[in-house]
């Protein structure tokens, strides 16, 4: 019973961490692309 409760608690927290890390990666990539476009333009 205890393992099931901890899994249910940890999974949403892990999902939030993954979402945040994915967003950070995307924003970093977008910043890089914007900088390159400004240099080219």
PDB file of N, CA and C in Angstrom:
ATOM      1  N   UNK A   1       0.828  -1.207   0.000  1.00  0.00           N
ATOM      2  CA  UNK A   1       0.000   0.000   0.000  1.00  0.00           C
ATOM      3  C   UNK A   1       0.860   1.254   0.000  1.00  0.00           C
ATOM      4  N   UNK A   2       1.916   1.234   0.765  1.00  0.00           N
ATOM      5  CA  UNK A   2       2.751   2.421   0.847  1.00  0.00           C
ATOM      6  C   UNK A   2       3.428   2.728  -0.486  1.00  0.00           C
ATOM      7  N   UNK A   3       3.868   1.689  -1.184  1.00  0.00           N
ATOM      8  CA  UNK A   3       4.548   1.930  -2.459  1.00  0.00           C
ATOM      9  C   UNK A   3       3.602   2.557  -3.472  1.00  0.00           C
ATOM     10  N   UNK A   4       2.348   2.126  -3.489  1.00  0.00           N
ATOM     11  CA  UNK A   4       1.375   2.697  -4.416  1.00  0.00           C
ATOM     12  C   UNK A   4       1.145   4.178  -4.113  1.00  0.00           C
ATOM     13  N   UNK A   5       1.076   4.525  -2.844  1.00  0.00           N
ATOM     14  CA  UNK A   5       0.856   5.918  -2.477  1.00  0.00           C
ATOM     15  C   UNK A   5       2.039   6.783  -2.890  1.00  0.00           C
ATOM     16  N   UNK A   6       3.247   6.289  -2.677  1.00  0.00           N
ATOM     17  CA  UNK A   6       4.424   7.089  -3.034  1.00  0.00           C
ATOM     18  C   UNK A   6       4.516   7.238  -4.539  1.00  0.00           C
ATOM     19  N   UNK A   7       4.185   6.189  -5.290  1.00  0.00           N
ATOM     20  CA  UNK A   7       4.224   6.297  -6.746  1.00  0.00           C
ATOM     21  C   UNK A   7       3.245   7.353  -7.237  1.00  0.00           C
ATOM     22  N   UNK A   8       2.049   7.365  -6.687  1.00  0.00           N
ATOM     23  CA  UNK A   8       1.050   8.343  -7.111  1.00  0.00           C
ATOM     24  C   UNK A   8       1.498   9.763  -6.792  1.00  0.00           C
ATOM     25  N   UNK A   9       2.191   9.914  -5.688  1.00  0.00           N
ATOM     26  CA  UNK A   9       2.654  11.247  -5.297  1.00  0.00           C
ATOM     27  C   UNK A   9       3.841  11.683  -6.157  1.00  0.00           C
ATOM     28  N   UNK A  10       4.753  10.767  -6.423  1.00  0.00           N
ATOM     29  CA  UNK A  10       5.982  11.123  -7.133  1.00  0.00           C
ATOM     30  C   UNK A  10       5.758  11.353  -8.625  1.00  0.00           C
ATOM     31  N   UNK A  11       4.833  10.650  -9.219  1.00  0.00           N
ATOM     32  CA  UNK A  11       4.635  10.768 -10.665  1.00  0.00           C
ATOM     33  C   UNK A  11       4.221  12.179 -11.079  1.00  0.00           C
ATOM     34  N   UNK A  12       3.231  12.818 -10.439  1.00  0.00           N
ATOM     35  CA  UNK A  12       2.890  14.191 -10.846  1.00  0.00           C
ATOM     36  C   UNK A  12       4.046  15.163 -10.632  1.00  0.00           C
ATOM     37  N   UNK A  13       4.802  14.978  -9.560  1.00  0.00           N
ATOM     38  CA  UNK A  13       5.946  15.863  -9.314  1.00  0.00           C
ATOM     39  C   UNK A  13       6.989  15.682 -10.403  1.00  0.00           C
ATOM     40  N   UNK A  14       7.248  14.448 -10.795  1.00  0.00           N
ATOM     41  CA  UNK A  14       8.221  14.178 -11.848  1.00  0.00           C
ATOM     42  C   UNK A  14       7.755  14.775 -13.167  1.00  0.00           C
ATOM     43  N   UNK A  15       6.459  14.673 -13.433  1.00  0.00           N
ATOM     44  CA  UNK A  15       5.922  15.238 -14.673  1.00  0.00           C
ATOM     45  C   UNK A  15       6.108  16.749 -14.701  1.00  0.00           C
ATOM     46  N   UNK A  16       5.891  17.408 -13.567  1.00  0.00           N
ATOM     47  CA  UNK A  16       6.070  18.859 -13.516  1.00  0.00           C
ATOM     48  C   UNK A  16       7.525  19.232 -13.763  1.00  0.00           C
ATOM     49  N   UNK A  17       8.439  18.482 -13.183  1.00  0.00           N
ATOM     50  CA  UNK A  17       9.860  18.755 -13.376  1.00  0.00           C
ATOM     51  C   UNK A  17      10.233  18.574 -14.836  1.00  0.00           C
ATOM     52  N   UNK A  18       9.725  17.518 -15.454  1.00  0.00           N
ATOM     53  CA  UNK A  18      10.021  17.272 -16.864  1.00  0.00           C
ATOM     54  C   UNK A  18       9.462  18.381 -17.741  1.00  0.00           C
ATOM     55  N   UNK A  19       8.239  18.829 -17.459  1.00  0.00           N
ATOM     56  CA  UNK A  19       7.656  19.914 -18.242  1.00  0.00           C
ATOM     57  C   UNK A  19       8.510  21.169 -18.138  1.00  0.00           C
ATOM     58  N   UNK A  20       8.939  21.494 -16.932  1.00  0.00           N
ATOM     59  CA  UNK A  20       9.757  22.695 -16.733  1.00  0.00           C
ATOM     60  C   UNK A  20      11.076  22.575 -17.476  1.00  0.00           C
ATOM     61  N   UNK A  21      11.726  21.411 -17.403  1.00  0.00           N
ATOM     62  CA  UNK A  21      13.015  21.246 -18.063  1.00  0.00           C
ATOM     63  C   UNK A  21      12.850  21.304 -19.575  1.00  0.00           C
ATOM     64  N   UNK A  22      11.779  20.715 -20.098  1.00  0.00           N
ATOM     65  CA  UNK A  22      11.529  20.771 -21.539  1.00  0.00           C
ATOM     66  C   UNK A  22      11.283  22.204 -21.984  1.00  0.00           C
ATOM     67  N   UNK A  23      10.550  22.973 -21.201  1.00  0.00           N
ATOM     68  CA  UNK A  23      10.295  24.359 -21.558  1.00  0.00           C
ATOM     69  C   UNK A  23      11.586  25.160 -21.558  1.00  0.00           C
ATOM     70  N   UNK A  24      12.463  24.912 -20.589  1.00  0.00           N
ATOM     71  CA  UNK A  24      13.724  25.637 -20.541  1.00  0.00           C
ATOM     72  C   UNK A  24      14.562  25.329 -21.766  1.00  0.00           C
ATOM     73  N   UNK A  25      14.599  24.075 -22.178  1.00  0.00           N
ATOM     74  CA  UNK A  25      15.362  23.693 -23.364  1.00  0.00           C
ATOM     75  C   UNK A  25      14.796  24.388 -24.588  1.00  0.00           C
ATOM     76  N   UNK A  26      13.479  24.402 -24.712  1.00  0.00           N
ATOM     77  CA  UNK A  26      12.857  25.033 -25.872  1.00  0.00           C
ATOM     78  C   UNK A  26      13.131  26.529 -25.899  1.00  0.00           C
ATOM     79  N   UNK A  27      13.060  27.187 -24.766  1.00  0.00           N
ATOM     80  CA  UNK A  27      13.306  28.628 -24.761  1.00  0.00           C
ATOM     81  C   UNK A  27      14.762  28.921 -25.084  1.00  0.00           C
ATOM     82  N   UNK A  28      15.670  28.097 -24.621  1.00  0.00           N
ATOM     83  CA  UNK A  28      17.078  28.292 -24.956  1.00  0.00           C
ATOM     84  C   UNK A  28      17.306  28.116 -26.446  1.00  0.00           C
ATOM     85  N   UNK A  29      16.681  27.113 -27.040  1.00  0.00           N
ATOM     86  CA  UNK A  29      16.815  26.897 -28.479  1.00  0.00           C
ATOM     87  C   UNK A  29      16.208  28.059 -29.249  1.00  0.00           C
ATOM     88  N   UNK A  30      15.063  28.548 -28.816  1.00  0.00           N
ATOM     89  CA  UNK A  30      14.428  29.667 -29.495  1.00  0.00           C
ATOM     90  C   UNK A  30      15.287  30.921 -29.404  1.00  0.00           C
ATOM     91  N   UNK A  31      15.883  31.180 -28.250  1.00  0.00           N
ATOM     92  CA  UNK A  31      16.764  32.334 -28.099  1.00  0.00           C
ATOM     93  C   UNK A  31      17.944  32.223 -29.057  1.00  0.00           C
ATOM     94  N   UNK A  32      18.506  31.030 -29.173  1.00  0.00           N
ATOM     95  CA  UNK A  32      19.634  30.800 -30.069  1.00  0.00           C
ATOM     96  C   UNK A  32      19.226  31.068 -31.514  1.00  0.00           C
ATOM     97  N   UNK A  33      18.056  30.558 -31.904  1.00  0.00           N
ATOM     98  CA  UNK A  33      17.586  30.759 -33.275  1.00  0.00           C
ATOM     99  C   UNK A  33      17.321  32.237 -33.545  1.00  0.00           C
ATOM    100  N   UNK A  34      16.722  32.933 -32.623  1.00  0.00           N
ATOM    101  CA  UNK A  34      16.420  34.358 -32.804  1.00  0.00           C
ATOM    102  C   UNK A  34      17.709  35.151 -32.960  1.00  0.00           C
ATOM    103  N   UNK A  35      18.707  34.842 -32.149  1.00  0.00           N
ATOM    104  CA  UNK A  35      19.984  35.546 -32.248  1.00  0.00           C
ATOM    105  C   UNK A  35      20.619  35.326 -33.621  1.00  0.00           C
ATOM    106  N   UNK A  36      20.564  34.077 -34.118  1.00  0.00           N
ATOM    107  CA  UNK A  36      21.130  33.787 -35.429  1.00  0.00           C
ATOM    108  C   UNK A  36      20.367  34.489 -36.533  1.00  0.00           C
ATOM    109  N   UNK A  37      19.065  34.564 -36.419  1.00  0.00           N
ATOM    110  CA  UNK A  37      18.263  35.244 -37.434  1.00  0.00           C
ATOM    111  C   UNK A  37      18.562  36.735 -37.442  1.00  0.00           C
ATOM    112  N   UNK A  38      18.746  37.311 -36.275  1.00  0.00           N
ATOM    113  CA  UNK A  38      19.058  38.737 -36.206  1.00  0.00           C
ATOM    114  C   UNK A  38      20.426  39.018 -36.844  1.00  0.00           C
ATOM    115  N   UNK A  39      21.383  38.126 -36.636  1.00  0.00           N
ATOM    116  CA  UNK A  39      22.715  38.297 -37.242  1.00  0.00           C
ATOM    117  C   UNK A  39      22.604  38.215 -38.768  1.00  0.00           C
ATOM    118  N   UNK A  40      21.812  37.246 -39.248  1.00  0.00           N
ATOM    119  CA  UNK A  40      21.681  37.073 -40.684  1.00  0.00           C
ATOM    120  C   UNK A  40      20.897  38.223 -41.309  1.00  0.00           C
ATOM    121  N   UNK A  41      19.917  38.732 -40.578  1.00  0.00           N
ATOM    122  CA  UNK A  41      19.053  39.780 -41.124  1.00  0.00           C
ATOM    123  C   UNK A  41      19.724  41.090 -41.020  1.00  0.00           C
TER     124      UNK A  41
END
